[in-house]
Protein backbone atom coordinates (compact mmCIF):
# COMPACT_ATOMS: atom_id res chain seq x y z
CA MET A 1 17.73 -6.49 14.54
CA LYS A 2 19.16 -8.71 12.30
CA ASP A 3 18.72 -11.46 15.74
CA PHE A 4 15.38 -10.33 16.43
CA LEU A 5 14.64 -11.49 12.90
CA ILE A 6 15.94 -14.81 13.65
CA ASP A 7 14.72 -15.60 16.41
CA GLU A 8 12.32 -19.15 16.08
CA ASP A 9 9.74 -18.18 18.24
CA GLY A 10 8.85 -14.71 16.77
CA ASN A 11 9.60 -15.08 13.35
CA ILE A 12 6.40 -16.58 12.19
CA LEU A 13 4.06 -14.74 14.08
CA GLN A 14 5.92 -11.61 12.44
CA GLY A 15 5.61 -13.05 9.06
CA VAL A 16 1.82 -13.49 10.02
CA ILE A 17 1.84 -9.09 11.37
CA TRP A 18 3.92 -8.15 8.13
CA THR A 19 1.20 -9.70 6.21
CA ILE A 20 -1.90 -8.71 7.80
CA VAL A 21 -0.21 -4.93 7.70
CA GLY A 22 0.55 -5.42 3.76
CA VAL A 23 -3.09 -6.28 3.01
CA ILE A 24 -4.53 -3.07 5.02
CA VAL A 25 -2.08 -0.67 3.45
CA ALA A 26 -2.77 -2.29 0.03
CA ALA A 27 -7.16 -2.21 0.98
CA VAL A 28 -6.58 1.45 1.84
CA PHE A 29 -4.49 2.49 -1.13
CA LEU A 30 -6.78 0.57 -3.65
CA GLN A 31 -9.57 2.19 -1.88
CA TYR A 32 -8.89 5.78 -1.20
CA ILE A 33 -5.40 6.88 -3.08
CA LEU A 34 -5.89 4.98 -6.75
CA PRO A 35 -9.38 6.95 -7.47
CA GLY A 36 -7.67 10.02 -6.40
CA LEU A 37 -4.91 9.16 -8.47
CA ARG A 38 -7.13 8.40 -11.16
CA SER A 39 -9.12 11.38 -11.16
CA GLY A 40 -6.57 13.80 -10.88
CA VAL A 41 -4.71 12.25 -13.96
CA GLN A 42 -8.08 12.74 -15.90
CA LYS A 43 -7.86 16.28 -14.78
CA MET A 44 -4.36 16.67 -15.96
CA GLY A 45 -5.53 14.89 -19.39
CA ASN A 46 -8.92 17.44 -19.84
CA ALA A 47 -6.14 20.43 -19.12
CA LEU A 48 -3.63 19.30 -21.49
CA SER A 49 -6.23 18.83 -24.32
CA GLY A 50 -7.72 22.06 -23.24
CA ASN A 51 -10.83 21.02 -22.28
């Protein structure tokens, strides 16, 4: 695995691929998971305050 990471030809391409994957994961997280967390926190807050 270490040799693969050091490989000069694939190193830049691998960095680009991981960057794209990271951006996609971040976008999905922000679009779908974050609103769910926010509404979940609101529901918990409402339950705790007795509404």
